[in-house]
Amino acid sequence: MFKAPLARPIRCTYYPDFRAKNPYQTQLYDGWTPFVDCNPGTISTALEAQRLDADVPHLFHLHWEHHVLNDPALTVEGFLNDLSEFRDCGGKVLWSLHNIEPHEAYPQDQVADLIAGLRDLADVIHLHSLQAVAEARAHWTLPVDKIRVVPHANYAQSYPVYRRDGMRQDLGLQDADMVVLLPGRIASYKKPDSLVQAFVDVAGARDVLIIAGQFTPSVTVETSDDPRIILRNEFLDADDVARFHAAADFVALPYAQSLTSGSAILAATLGRGVLGPHSAGLFDAVSSGKTGVLYDPTPPDALKQALDAALGDGPEVWRARGAAAAKASQARDITLVSAAWGDVVTGLYATPPHGQLWSAVR
């Protein structure tokens, strides 16, 4: 682990606070303890703390930046102006870039202004893999000297692990052949309708597709009352998430786009291989042929053909891929990831503060 460069812990405010729905932030900041004191808040919270204690730089850590566009208390211009003032007062800005595009539709000018402002005001831009760096820089002009790569940790401390046979019995799936799972927040970028159509076209009479997680408001899934398809449109706690993964033969993630895939890393943690398209997030988390299958999404019926082949591989092949995925995920141990974060955070405090006013003109 790292040693704090200050006599007392570095103070960090992080935004938004998604701990109730995703263990990512909980285990991230637990790994920084006791050298960094992390608490949820807004840029206003961080700015006030920096003004009150100007001698010690405060850290503002931004995730899922598009949440700024959802927050009725914020405007893009107001948020960036507060961020600029925070830096002028001596604060440091760390921006974790999880996605290329928002998962919901927003005015493109607001998205562009937000990204342009963060690109200029962030002291460090964090991405989870070198693949993510390449894809992000292909979409946005990001200064390479600000970029730091720290991998996404596994979820070994956040979810229980259950046996396949026991969970199949508990979920009434003991007579199923292949079981496919689409988990997590079900948004349009996960293409649930396309997965359903592909499944209907190629699955056997005793195969099962489970789509389990909270649907975003814009998503509806038409199953035509197919008894082989199970929908659970609700937020699932860690126990239910683990149970569905245990019952599945593999996890299907037919993303339209993925920069970082926590779902793929969770699948590996729980011993399940992944089927998905070539993308930065899945290249980082899946070794095609060994821990899952990645397919070229460009040909017509690419998902249908990939799903047909994946179902045809059978349970033993996917059991071996899941075991390999679980073994590979051990390299993402939270202790190793926390040590890498220590270098990033303490490196921020090795450079003097520097303020800069933000301009809305790109």
Protein backbone atom coordinates (compact mmCIF):
# COMPACT_ATOMS: atom_id res chain seq x y z
CA MET A 1 0.00 0.00 0.00
CA PHE A 2 0.96 3.63 -0.28
CA LYS A 3 1.91 6.21 2.32
CA ALA A 4 0.02 9.48 2.45
CA PRO A 5 2.22 12.50 1.75
CA LEU A 6 0.30 14.60 4.28
CA ALA A 7 0.12 14.46 8.06
CA ARG A 8 -3.60 13.66 7.87
CA PRO A 9 -5.69 11.75 5.36
CA ILE A 10 -6.38 13.30 1.98
CA ARG A 11 -10.00 14.44 1.86
CA CYS A 12 -12.06 13.27 -1.09
CA THR A 13 -15.59 14.10 -2.19
CA TYR A 14 -17.02 11.78 -4.83
CA TYR A 15 -20.03 12.29 -7.10
CA PRO A 16 -22.51 10.81 -7.87
CA ASP A 17 -23.13 8.38 -5.03
CA PHE A 18 -24.20 5.07 -6.61
CA ARG A 19 -23.21 2.80 -3.73
CA ALA A 20 -26.77 1.59 -3.17
CA LYS A 21 -26.95 0.17 -6.70
CA ASN A 22 -23.36 -0.76 -7.48
CA PRO A 23 -20.60 -2.02 -5.13
CA TYR A 24 -17.90 -0.45 -7.32
CA GLN A 25 -17.57 2.74 -5.27
CA THR A 26 -17.82 1.00 -1.90
CA GLN A 27 -14.92 -1.35 -2.54
CA LEU A 28 -12.95 1.35 -4.38
CA TYR A 29 -12.99 3.77 -1.45
CA ASP A 30 -12.66 1.07 1.20
CA GLY A 31 -9.38 0.25 -0.55
CA TRP A 32 -8.19 3.84 -0.12
CA THR A 33 -8.80 3.83 3.64
CA PRO A 34 -7.21 5.07 5.92
CA PHE A 35 -4.99 7.26 3.75
CA VAL A 36 -7.87 8.99 1.96
CA ASP A 37 -11.05 10.09 3.74
CA CYS A 38 -13.81 9.66 1.12
CA ASN A 39 -17.37 10.91 1.40
CA PRO A 40 -20.19 11.42 -1.11
CA GLY A 41 -21.18 14.94 -2.03
CA THR A 42 -21.48 17.45 -4.83
CA ILE A 43 -19.02 19.89 -6.33
CA SER A 44 -20.58 22.47 -3.98
CA THR A 45 -19.68 20.24 -1.03
CA ALA A 46 -16.09 19.95 -2.23
CA LEU A 47 -15.82 23.68 -2.96
CA GLU A 48 -17.06 24.64 0.49
CA ALA A 49 -14.63 22.22 2.16
CA GLN A 50 -11.73 23.58 0.10
CA ARG A 51 -12.59 27.18 1.02
CA LEU A 52 -12.74 26.32 4.73
CA ASP A 53 -9.40 24.52 4.71
CA ALA A 54 -7.43 26.20 1.94
CA ASP A 55 -4.03 25.00 3.19
CA VAL A 56 -4.77 21.35 2.34
CA PRO A 57 -5.89 20.39 -1.18
CA HIS A 58 -9.19 18.56 -1.39
CA LEU A 59 -9.90 15.92 -4.06
CA PHE A 60 -13.11 15.84 -6.12
CA HIS A 61 -13.66 12.47 -7.83
CA LEU A 62 -16.24 12.44 -10.62
CA HIS A 63 -17.80 9.23 -11.98
CA TRP A 64 -20.49 8.74 -14.65
CA GLU A 65 -20.30 12.40 -15.62
CA HIS A 66 -23.58 12.28 -17.50
CA HIS A 67 -25.37 12.23 -14.15
CA VAL A 68 -24.69 15.98 -14.09
CA LEU A 69 -27.31 16.20 -16.87
CA ASN A 70 -29.83 14.30 -14.73
CA ASP A 71 -29.38 16.42 -11.61
CA PRO A 72 -32.08 19.11 -11.42
CA ALA A 73 -29.85 21.15 -9.10
CA LEU A 74 -27.10 21.43 -11.73
CA THR A 75 -26.43 22.96 -15.12
CA VAL A 76 -23.40 22.08 -17.20
CA GLU A 77 -22.10 25.65 -17.11
CA GLY A 78 -22.70 26.03 -13.37
CA PHE A 79 -21.07 22.68 -12.60
CA LEU A 80 -17.97 23.49 -14.65
CA ASN A 81 -17.68 26.99 -13.19
CA ASP A 82 -17.80 25.53 -9.66
CA LEU A 83 -15.21 22.96 -10.71
CA SER A 84 -12.97 25.74 -12.03
CA GLU A 85 -13.32 27.73 -8.80
CA PHE A 86 -12.58 24.57 -6.80
CA ARG A 87 -9.29 24.23 -8.66
CA ASP A 88 -8.52 27.93 -8.23
CA CYS A 89 -8.86 27.42 -4.47
CA GLY A 90 -6.28 24.61 -4.60
CA GLY A 91 -8.46 21.56 -5.16
CA LYS A 92 -7.61 18.60 -7.41
CA VAL A 93 -10.00 16.98 -9.88
CA LEU A 94 -10.01 13.28 -10.71
CA TRP A 95 -12.38 12.16 -13.48
CA SER A 96 -13.08 8.45 -13.98
CA LEU A 97 -14.32 7.97 -17.54
CA HIS A 98 -16.60 4.91 -17.52
CA ASN A 99 -18.49 5.34 -20.81
CA ILE A 100 -18.02 6.97 -24.21
CA GLU A 101 -21.65 7.99 -24.64
CA PRO A 102 -24.51 8.39 -22.17
CA HIS A 103 -26.77 5.36 -21.86
CA GLU A 104 -29.77 7.67 -22.31
CA ALA A 105 -30.42 10.43 -24.85
CA TYR A 106 -29.26 13.96 -23.95
CA PRO A 107 -28.80 17.13 -26.01
CA GLN A 108 -25.52 16.63 -27.84
CA ASP A 109 -24.38 20.22 -27.29
CA GLN A 110 -24.66 19.77 -23.52
CA VAL A 111 -22.75 16.48 -23.65
CA ALA A 112 -20.02 18.07 -25.78
CA ASP A 113 -19.72 21.08 -23.45
CA LEU A 114 -19.49 18.81 -20.41
CA ILE A 115 -16.79 16.59 -21.93
CA ALA A 116 -14.81 19.59 -23.22
CA GLY A 117 -14.91 21.24 -19.80
CA LEU A 118 -13.88 18.08 -17.96
CA ARG A 119 -11.06 17.47 -20.43
CA ASP A 120 -9.66 20.91 -19.58
CA LEU A 121 -10.36 20.99 -15.84
CA ALA A 122 -9.51 17.44 -14.75
CA ASP A 123 -6.05 17.04 -13.26
CA VAL A 124 -6.23 13.29 -13.92
CA ILE A 125 -8.46 11.40 -16.36
CA HIS A 126 -8.79 7.78 -15.24
CA LEU A 127 -9.66 4.87 -17.52
CA HIS A 128 -9.80 1.17 -16.70
CA SER A 129 -7.70 -0.28 -19.53
CA LEU A 130 -5.41 0.57 -22.42
CA GLN A 131 -8.19 -0.56 -24.76
CA ALA A 132 -10.46 2.03 -23.15
CA VAL A 133 -7.80 4.72 -23.60
CA ALA A 134 -7.56 3.99 -27.33
CA GLU A 135 -11.32 4.03 -27.83
CA ALA A 136 -11.88 7.15 -25.72
CA ARG A 137 -9.17 9.08 -27.58
CA ALA A 138 -10.74 8.04 -30.88
CA HIS A 139 -13.97 9.77 -29.78
CA TRP A 140 -12.72 12.72 -27.72
CA THR A 141 -9.60 14.86 -27.67
CA LEU A 142 -8.08 13.80 -24.34
CA PRO A 143 -4.61 15.02 -23.28
CA VAL A 144 -2.45 11.94 -22.88
CA ASP A 145 -0.38 13.51 -20.08
CA LYS A 146 -3.48 13.57 -17.86
CA ILE A 147 -4.49 9.95 -18.49
CA ARG A 148 -3.88 7.25 -15.90
CA VAL A 149 -4.89 3.59 -16.23
CA VAL A 150 -6.04 1.68 -13.16
CA PRO A 151 -7.93 -1.59 -13.75
CA HIS A 152 -11.41 -2.38 -12.51
CA ALA A 153 -11.19 -4.66 -9.46
CA ASN A 154 -13.06 -7.93 -9.26
CA TYR A 155 -16.11 -8.27 -7.03
CA ALA A 156 -14.82 -11.07 -4.80
CA GLN A 157 -15.70 -9.21 -1.61
CA SER A 158 -19.15 -8.11 -2.73
CA TYR A 159 -21.08 -11.19 -3.91
CA PRO A 160 -21.57 -14.75 -2.62
CA VAL A 161 -20.81 -17.69 -4.91
CA TYR A 162 -23.40 -20.47 -5.27
CA ARG A 163 -23.42 -23.89 -6.90
CA ARG A 164 -25.08 -24.26 -10.30
CA ASP A 165 -27.23 -27.31 -9.50
CA GLY A 166 -28.59 -25.91 -6.26
CA MET A 167 -29.59 -22.61 -7.85
CA ARG A 168 -31.23 -24.32 -10.82
CA GLN A 169 -33.38 -26.28 -8.37
CA ASP A 170 -34.23 -23.18 -6.33
CA LEU A 171 -35.20 -21.20 -9.44
CA GLY A 172 -37.25 -23.99 -10.97
CA LEU A 173 -34.77 -24.51 -13.81
CA GLN A 174 -33.74 -28.07 -13.04
CA ASP A 175 -35.11 -29.29 -16.39
CA ALA A 176 -33.49 -26.55 -18.48
CA ASP A 177 -30.74 -27.24 -20.98
CA MET A 178 -28.73 -24.07 -21.62
CA VAL A 179 -29.47 -20.99 -19.49
CA VAL A 180 -28.37 -17.55 -20.73
CA LEU A 181 -28.32 -14.46 -18.50
CA LEU A 182 -28.45 -10.75 -19.35
CA PRO A 183 -27.92 -9.02 -15.97
CA GLY A 184 -27.58 -5.56 -14.47
CA ARG A 185 -29.15 -2.26 -15.40
CA ILE A 186 -31.10 -3.07 -18.56
CA ALA A 187 -30.64 -0.08 -20.86
CA SER A 188 -30.97 0.19 -24.62
CA TYR A 189 -27.20 -0.06 -25.19
CA LYS A 190 -27.39 -3.68 -23.96
CA LYS A 191 -29.78 -4.44 -26.84
CA PRO A 192 -32.19 -6.65 -24.87
CA ASP A 193 -34.72 -6.76 -27.74
CA SER A 194 -32.06 -7.99 -30.15
CA LEU A 195 -31.02 -10.68 -27.69
CA VAL A 196 -34.63 -11.81 -27.24
CA GLN A 197 -35.16 -12.03 -31.01
CA ALA A 198 -31.94 -13.95 -31.52
CA PHE A 199 -32.87 -16.33 -28.70
CA VAL A 200 -36.36 -16.94 -30.10
CA ASP A 201 -34.83 -17.72 -33.50
CA VAL A 202 -32.13 -20.19 -32.44
CA ALA A 203 -32.75 -21.57 -28.92
CA GLY A 204 -33.92 -25.07 -28.21
CA ALA A 205 -37.20 -25.99 -26.57
CA ARG A 206 -35.60 -26.37 -23.12
CA ASP A 207 -33.15 -23.46 -23.31
CA VAL A 208 -33.88 -20.45 -21.08
CA LEU A 209 -33.07 -16.74 -21.33
CA ILE A 210 -33.11 -14.67 -18.13
CA ILE A 211 -33.12 -10.87 -18.31
CA ALA A 212 -32.75 -9.73 -14.73
CA GLY A 213 -32.23 -6.17 -13.52
CA GLN A 214 -33.89 -2.78 -13.37
CA PHE A 215 -35.05 -1.61 -16.80
CA THR A 216 -34.47 2.01 -17.72
CA PRO A 217 -37.68 3.95 -18.55
CA SER A 218 -37.02 3.88 -22.29
CA VAL A 219 -36.66 0.08 -22.47
CA THR A 220 -39.47 -2.37 -23.09
CA VAL A 221 -38.88 -6.01 -23.97
CA GLU A 222 -41.39 -7.96 -26.04
CA THR A 223 -41.24 -11.70 -25.35
CA SER A 224 -44.54 -12.76 -26.99
CA ASP A 225 -45.18 -14.70 -23.77
CA ASP A 226 -42.45 -17.19 -24.66
CA PRO A 227 -42.23 -19.46 -21.56
CA ARG A 228 -38.50 -19.89 -22.15
CA ILE A 229 -37.85 -16.20 -21.39
CA ILE A 230 -37.82 -14.94 -17.79
CA LEU A 231 -37.97 -11.19 -17.12
CA ARG A 232 -37.16 -9.71 -13.71
CA ASN A 233 -37.62 -5.96 -14.07
CA GLU A 234 -36.43 -4.85 -10.65
CA PHE A 235 -33.31 -3.91 -8.76
CA LEU A 236 -31.64 -7.10 -7.54
CA ASP A 237 -29.64 -7.35 -4.35
CA ALA A 238 -26.26 -9.07 -4.26
CA ASP A 239 -27.74 -12.41 -3.25
CA ASP A 240 -30.21 -12.50 -6.16
CA VAL A 241 -27.51 -11.41 -8.60
CA ALA A 242 -25.29 -14.26 -7.43
CA ARG A 243 -28.15 -16.77 -7.65
CA PHE A 244 -28.96 -15.91 -11.27
CA HIS A 245 -25.30 -16.10 -12.27
CA ALA A 246 -24.97 -19.50 -10.61
CA ALA A 247 -27.97 -20.84 -12.54
CA ALA A 248 -26.68 -19.55 -15.90
CA ASP A 249 -24.32 -21.33 -18.26
CA PHE A 250 -23.02 -18.02 -19.60
CA VAL A 251 -23.70 -14.30 -19.55
CA ALA A 252 -24.71 -12.53 -22.78
CA LEU A 253 -23.72 -8.86 -23.11
CA PRO A 254 -24.65 -7.76 -26.65
CA TYR A 255 -23.52 -4.18 -26.12
CA ALA A 256 -23.92 -1.51 -28.75
CA GLN A 257 -20.82 0.04 -27.18
CA SER A 258 -18.74 -0.67 -24.07
CA LEU A 259 -15.77 1.23 -22.66
CA THR A 260 -15.72 -0.56 -19.30
CA SER A 261 -17.80 -3.63 -18.47
CA GLY A 262 -18.43 -4.17 -14.79
CA SER A 263 -20.96 -6.84 -15.82
CA ALA A 264 -18.26 -8.86 -17.59
CA ILE A 265 -15.93 -8.55 -14.59
CA LEU A 266 -18.76 -9.60 -12.27
CA ALA A 267 -19.49 -12.62 -14.48
CA ALA A 268 -15.84 -13.66 -14.28
CA THR A 269 -15.77 -13.14 -10.51
CA LEU A 270 -18.76 -15.48 -10.21
CA GLY A 271 -17.26 -18.06 -12.56
CA ARG A 272 -19.25 -17.40 -15.72
CA GLY A 273 -17.99 -16.84 -19.24
CA VAL A 274 -19.30 -14.03 -21.43
CA LEU A 275 -20.68 -13.82 -24.96
CA GLY A 276 -20.44 -10.35 -26.45
CA PRO A 277 -19.25 -8.22 -29.37
CA HIS A 278 -15.76 -6.84 -29.93
CA SER A 279 -15.51 -3.68 -27.79
CA ALA A 280 -12.98 -2.05 -25.50
CA GLY A 281 -14.80 -3.05 -22.33
CA LEU A 282 -15.07 -6.70 -23.34
CA PHE A 283 -11.56 -6.92 -24.82
CA ASP A 284 -10.34 -5.89 -21.37
CA ALA A 285 -12.41 -8.46 -19.49
CA VAL A 286 -12.82 -11.45 -21.84
CA SER A 287 -10.22 -13.67 -23.49
CA SER A 288 -12.14 -14.92 -26.52
CA GLY A 289 -12.13 -18.68 -26.79
CA LYS A 290 -10.79 -19.09 -23.25
CA THR A 291 -13.03 -17.16 -20.86
CA GLY A 292 -15.83 -16.40 -23.30
CA VAL A 293 -16.57 -15.60 -26.93
CA LEU A 294 -16.29 -12.22 -28.65
CA TYR A 295 -17.84 -11.85 -32.08
CA ASP A 296 -17.65 -9.31 -34.90
CA PRO A 297 -20.90 -7.33 -34.60
CA THR A 298 -20.88 -5.92 -38.12
CA PRO A 299 -22.26 -8.78 -40.29
CA PRO A 300 -26.04 -9.18 -40.59
CA ASP A 301 -27.43 -11.52 -37.92
CA ALA A 302 -24.08 -11.43 -36.06
CA LEU A 303 -25.72 -11.80 -32.63
CA LYS A 304 -28.05 -14.55 -33.86
CA GLN A 305 -25.16 -16.55 -35.31
CA ALA A 306 -22.98 -16.02 -32.23
CA LEU A 307 -25.76 -17.06 -29.85
CA ASP A 308 -26.54 -20.14 -31.94
CA ALA A 309 -22.91 -21.22 -31.79
CA ALA A 310 -22.65 -20.44 -28.06
CA LEU A 311 -25.71 -22.53 -27.24
CA GLY A 312 -24.32 -25.32 -29.38
CA ASP A 313 -21.06 -25.35 -27.42
CA GLY A 314 -22.95 -26.90 -24.51
CA PRO A 315 -22.62 -26.70 -20.73
CA GLU A 316 -19.24 -28.39 -20.31
CA VAL A 317 -17.45 -26.01 -22.67
CA TRP A 318 -19.00 -23.04 -20.88
CA ARG A 319 -18.19 -24.55 -17.50
CA ALA A 320 -14.52 -24.62 -18.50
CA ARG A 321 -14.69 -21.03 -19.77
CA GLY A 322 -16.30 -19.93 -16.51
CA ALA A 323 -13.58 -21.63 -14.46
CA ALA A 324 -10.90 -19.94 -16.57
CA ALA A 325 -12.67 -16.58 -16.16
CA ALA A 326 -12.80 -16.98 -12.38
CA LYS A 327 -9.08 -17.77 -12.27
CA ALA A 328 -8.21 -14.81 -14.51
CA SER A 329 -10.32 -12.45 -12.40
CA GLN A 330 -8.10 -13.10 -9.38
CA ALA A 331 -5.51 -10.79 -10.95
CA ARG A 332 -7.96 -7.97 -10.29
CA ASP A 333 -7.52 -8.30 -6.53
CA ILE A 334 -8.65 -5.16 -4.71
CA THR A 335 -5.35 -4.92 -2.81
CA LEU A 336 -3.38 -4.66 -6.07
CA VAL A 337 -5.86 -2.21 -7.55
CA SER A 338 -5.79 -0.07 -4.40
CA ALA A 339 -2.00 0.11 -4.54
CA ALA A 340 -2.19 1.38 -8.12
CA TRP A 341 -4.74 3.97 -7.03
CA GLY A 342 -2.37 5.03 -4.27
CA ASP A 343 0.22 6.00 -6.87
CA VAL A 344 -2.36 8.05 -8.76
CA VAL A 345 -3.75 9.88 -5.74
CA THR A 346 -0.43 10.64 -4.12
CA GLY A 347 0.96 11.70 -7.51
CA LEU A 348 -1.72 14.37 -7.65
CA TYR A 349 -0.36 15.85 -4.45
CA ALA A 350 3.22 15.87 -5.72
CA THR A 351 2.29 18.64 -8.17
CA PRO A 352 1.45 22.18 -7.10
CA PRO A 353 -2.15 23.38 -7.41
CA HIS A 354 -2.97 25.31 -10.54
CA GLY A 355 -6.23 27.11 -11.27
CA GLN A 356 -7.77 27.71 -14.65
CA LEU A 357 -11.03 29.38 -15.63
CA TRP A 358 -13.35 27.30 -17.79
CA SER A 359 -14.70 28.74 -21.00
CA ALA A 360 -17.87 27.52 -22.69
CA VAL A 361 -16.22 28.17 -26.06
CA ARG A 362 -14.80 24.87 -27.36
